[in-house]
N, C-alpha and C. Protein backbone atom coordinates (compact mmCIF):
# COMPACT_ATOMS: atom_id res chain seq x y z
N MET A 1 35.53 10.17 -37.31
CA MET A 1 36.76 9.93 -36.67
C MET A 1 37.70 9.12 -37.43
N THR A 2 38.84 9.44 -37.65
CA THR A 2 39.85 8.72 -38.39
C THR A 2 40.52 7.65 -37.52
N GLN A 3 40.92 6.54 -38.08
CA GLN A 3 41.51 5.58 -37.42
C GLN A 3 43.01 5.65 -37.63
N GLN A 4 43.78 5.74 -36.49
CA GLN A 4 45.33 5.79 -36.62
C GLN A 4 45.95 4.49 -36.74
N SER A 5 46.79 4.23 -37.71
CA SER A 5 47.41 3.01 -37.73
C SER A 5 48.57 2.97 -36.76
N VAL A 6 48.80 1.85 -36.15
CA VAL A 6 49.85 1.64 -35.16
C VAL A 6 51.10 0.98 -35.84
N ARG A 7 52.21 1.58 -35.66
CA ARG A 7 53.40 1.16 -36.38
C ARG A 7 53.89 -0.07 -35.52
N PRO A 8 54.25 -1.11 -36.33
CA PRO A 8 54.72 -2.30 -35.62
C PRO A 8 56.07 -2.13 -34.84
N PHE A 9 56.12 -2.90 -33.70
CA PHE A 9 57.29 -2.71 -32.85
C PHE A 9 58.44 -3.59 -33.44
N ARG A 10 59.63 -2.97 -33.72
CA ARG A 10 60.79 -3.62 -34.06
C ARG A 10 61.94 -3.41 -32.99
N PRO A 11 62.30 -4.46 -32.23
CA PRO A 11 63.35 -4.24 -31.24
C PRO A 11 64.66 -3.68 -31.93
N SER A 12 65.29 -2.98 -31.10
CA SER A 12 66.58 -2.32 -31.57
C SER A 12 67.52 -3.38 -32.10
N GLY A 13 68.08 -3.16 -33.28
CA GLY A 13 69.02 -4.07 -33.95
C GLY A 13 68.34 -5.19 -34.61
N TRP A 14 67.00 -5.40 -34.61
CA TRP A 14 66.31 -6.52 -35.31
C TRP A 14 66.12 -6.13 -36.71
N SER A 15 66.01 -7.18 -37.55
CA SER A 15 65.67 -6.90 -39.01
C SER A 15 64.26 -7.33 -39.34
N ARG A 16 63.48 -7.59 -38.17
CA ARG A 16 62.02 -7.96 -38.38
C ARG A 16 61.38 -7.41 -37.11
N ASP A 17 59.86 -7.28 -37.45
CA ASP A 17 59.07 -6.85 -36.33
C ASP A 17 58.88 -7.96 -35.32
N ALA A 18 58.58 -7.56 -34.09
CA ALA A 18 58.35 -8.49 -33.04
C ALA A 18 56.96 -9.24 -33.29
N THR A 19 56.92 -10.54 -32.85
CA THR A 19 55.76 -11.36 -33.10
C THR A 19 55.19 -11.73 -31.66
N SER A 20 53.98 -12.38 -31.78
CA SER A 20 53.36 -12.92 -30.53
C SER A 20 54.20 -13.80 -29.91
N GLU A 21 55.07 -14.63 -30.71
CA GLU A 21 55.94 -15.61 -30.15
C GLU A 21 57.03 -15.00 -29.25
N ASP A 22 57.47 -13.80 -29.73
CA ASP A 22 58.35 -12.98 -29.07
C ASP A 22 57.87 -12.50 -27.60
N VAL A 23 56.63 -12.23 -27.65
CA VAL A 23 55.94 -11.79 -26.42
C VAL A 23 55.92 -13.02 -25.45
N GLU A 24 55.62 -14.20 -25.84
CA GLU A 24 55.59 -15.25 -25.10
C GLU A 24 56.97 -15.53 -24.48
N THR A 25 58.06 -15.39 -25.32
CA THR A 25 59.38 -15.62 -24.86
C THR A 25 59.76 -14.57 -23.87
N ALA A 26 59.36 -13.34 -24.04
CA ALA A 26 59.65 -12.19 -23.14
C ALA A 26 59.01 -12.43 -21.71
N HIS A 27 57.80 -13.03 -21.82
CA HIS A 27 57.16 -13.33 -20.48
C HIS A 27 57.83 -14.43 -19.71
N ARG A 28 58.62 -15.32 -20.41
CA ARG A 28 59.50 -16.34 -19.76
C ARG A 28 60.82 -15.79 -19.33
N ILE A 29 61.39 -14.83 -20.05
CA ILE A 29 62.61 -14.31 -19.66
C ILE A 29 62.63 -13.38 -18.49
N LEU A 30 61.58 -12.48 -18.51
CA LEU A 30 61.53 -11.43 -17.36
C LEU A 30 61.71 -12.07 -15.96
N PRO A 31 61.01 -13.01 -15.59
CA PRO A 31 61.31 -13.54 -14.22
C PRO A 31 62.62 -14.06 -13.93
N MET A 32 63.34 -14.47 -14.91
CA MET A 32 64.71 -14.96 -14.73
C MET A 32 65.80 -13.97 -14.53
N HIS A 33 65.48 -12.68 -14.70
CA HIS A 33 66.46 -11.73 -14.52
C HIS A 33 65.99 -10.63 -13.46
N ALA A 34 66.91 -10.55 -12.45
CA ALA A 34 66.60 -9.54 -11.35
C ALA A 34 67.94 -8.95 -10.90
N PRO A 35 67.82 -7.83 -10.18
CA PRO A 35 69.16 -7.35 -9.74
C PRO A 35 69.56 -8.22 -8.44
N ILE A 36 70.89 -8.31 -8.23
CA ILE A 36 71.50 -8.96 -7.14
C ILE A 36 71.03 -8.26 -5.81
N ASP A 37 71.34 -7.00 -5.77
CA ASP A 37 70.83 -6.08 -4.83
C ASP A 37 71.09 -4.68 -5.16
N SER A 38 70.44 -3.67 -4.49
CA SER A 38 70.47 -2.35 -5.00
C SER A 38 71.97 -1.72 -4.92
N SER A 39 72.78 -2.18 -4.07
CA SER A 39 74.04 -1.56 -3.94
C SER A 39 75.11 -1.98 -5.01
N ARG A 40 74.82 -3.24 -5.57
CA ARG A 40 75.84 -3.76 -6.57
C ARG A 40 75.41 -3.43 -7.93
N GLY A 41 74.07 -3.43 -8.22
CA GLY A 41 73.65 -3.09 -9.55
C GLY A 41 73.99 -4.00 -10.73
N LEU A 42 74.02 -5.41 -10.34
CA LEU A 42 74.22 -6.40 -11.22
C LEU A 42 73.09 -7.40 -11.44
N CYS A 43 72.90 -8.04 -12.54
CA CYS A 43 71.91 -8.97 -12.85
C CYS A 43 72.23 -10.25 -12.11
N ALA A 44 71.26 -10.88 -11.47
CA ALA A 44 71.53 -12.17 -10.67
C ALA A 44 71.28 -13.37 -11.57
N SER A 45 70.85 -13.31 -12.70
CA SER A 45 70.49 -14.51 -13.57
C SER A 45 71.60 -15.40 -13.76
N ALA A 46 71.49 -16.66 -13.46
CA ALA A 46 72.55 -17.70 -13.83
C ALA A 46 72.75 -17.81 -15.32
N LEU A 47 71.89 -17.39 -16.22
CA LEU A 47 72.01 -17.42 -17.57
C LEU A 47 73.22 -16.61 -18.01
N HIS A 48 73.73 -15.70 -17.25
CA HIS A 48 74.87 -14.90 -17.80
C HIS A 48 76.23 -15.65 -17.52
N LEU A 49 76.09 -16.83 -16.89
CA LEU A 49 77.30 -17.67 -16.70
C LEU A 49 78.22 -17.06 -15.82
N ILE A 50 79.35 -16.50 -16.40
CA ILE A 50 80.48 -16.00 -15.46
C ILE A 50 80.41 -14.68 -15.00
N ASN A 51 80.35 -13.74 -15.88
CA ASN A 51 80.35 -12.22 -15.56
C ASN A 51 78.92 -11.70 -15.58
N ALA A 52 78.41 -11.36 -14.40
CA ALA A 52 76.94 -10.67 -14.45
C ALA A 52 77.02 -9.30 -14.99
N PRO A 53 76.28 -8.93 -15.86
CA PRO A 53 76.25 -7.58 -16.47
C PRO A 53 75.52 -6.48 -15.54
N ALA A 54 75.63 -5.31 -15.81
CA ALA A 54 75.04 -4.22 -15.05
C ALA A 54 73.51 -4.48 -15.13
N TRP A 55 72.81 -4.09 -14.06
CA TRP A 55 71.28 -4.16 -14.10
C TRP A 55 70.82 -2.86 -14.56
N PRO A 56 69.82 -2.80 -15.33
CA PRO A 56 69.08 -3.90 -16.02
C PRO A 56 69.96 -4.44 -17.12
N CYS A 57 69.91 -5.83 -17.24
CA CYS A 57 70.74 -6.44 -18.34
C CYS A 57 69.97 -6.33 -19.60
N GLU A 58 70.68 -6.70 -20.75
CA GLU A 58 70.17 -6.47 -22.09
C GLU A 58 68.85 -7.42 -22.27
N GLN A 59 68.95 -8.69 -21.75
CA GLN A 59 67.86 -9.51 -21.90
C GLN A 59 66.61 -8.96 -21.16
N TYR A 60 66.75 -8.45 -20.02
CA TYR A 60 65.67 -7.80 -19.27
C TYR A 60 65.06 -6.66 -20.06
N GLN A 61 65.97 -5.74 -20.51
CA GLN A 61 65.59 -4.59 -21.24
C GLN A 61 64.81 -5.02 -22.55
N TRP A 62 65.22 -5.99 -23.31
CA TRP A 62 64.57 -6.50 -24.57
C TRP A 62 63.10 -7.02 -24.06
N ALA A 63 63.14 -7.92 -23.09
CA ALA A 63 61.72 -8.56 -22.62
C ALA A 63 60.87 -7.50 -22.25
N LYS A 64 61.25 -6.43 -21.43
CA LYS A 64 60.44 -5.34 -21.03
C LYS A 64 59.98 -4.62 -22.20
N ALA A 65 60.80 -4.29 -23.10
CA ALA A 65 60.50 -3.42 -24.28
C ALA A 65 59.31 -4.16 -25.15
N VAL A 66 59.50 -5.51 -25.32
CA VAL A 66 58.56 -6.42 -26.02
C VAL A 66 57.18 -6.41 -25.31
N ILE A 67 57.20 -6.59 -24.02
CA ILE A 67 56.00 -6.68 -23.25
C ILE A 67 55.28 -5.30 -23.20
N ASP A 68 56.00 -4.25 -23.13
CA ASP A 68 55.44 -2.93 -23.16
C ASP A 68 54.85 -2.63 -24.48
N ALA A 69 55.41 -3.12 -25.63
CA ALA A 69 54.89 -2.82 -27.08
C ALA A 69 53.60 -3.64 -27.11
N ALA A 70 53.64 -4.93 -26.61
CA ALA A 70 52.44 -5.75 -26.77
C ALA A 70 51.32 -5.08 -25.97
N GLU A 71 51.45 -4.46 -24.79
CA GLU A 71 50.48 -3.82 -24.09
C GLU A 71 49.95 -2.54 -24.82
N ARG A 72 50.79 -2.03 -25.67
CA ARG A 72 50.41 -0.76 -26.46
C ARG A 72 49.79 -1.27 -27.78
N ARG A 73 49.59 -2.57 -27.98
CA ARG A 73 49.05 -3.15 -29.19
C ARG A 73 49.86 -2.94 -30.38
N GLU A 74 51.18 -2.86 -30.31
CA GLU A 74 52.09 -2.76 -31.37
C GLU A 74 52.59 -4.00 -32.10
N ILE A 75 52.26 -5.17 -31.39
CA ILE A 75 52.58 -6.47 -31.92
C ILE A 75 51.26 -7.20 -32.27
N SER A 76 51.37 -7.65 -33.46
CA SER A 76 50.06 -8.41 -33.98
C SER A 76 50.15 -9.80 -33.38
N ASP A 77 48.96 -10.36 -33.35
CA ASP A 77 48.83 -11.72 -32.97
C ASP A 77 49.22 -12.69 -33.96
């Protein structure tokens, strides 16, 4: 049986691979972002300050992608 190497996860637009510290940050970011309601489709996070972006917002998408990559073991410890 041959062992397949897993390609490291690099978030879109990044110049480096994601790290375990990024995974920790993603776990803290994810609960702070949620939709206002299903009819408006905006992120309710106060971190967006004035104008709420469309849901899912960029921060949520980044955090979800990093956590998903960690679950696939694409991010080294």
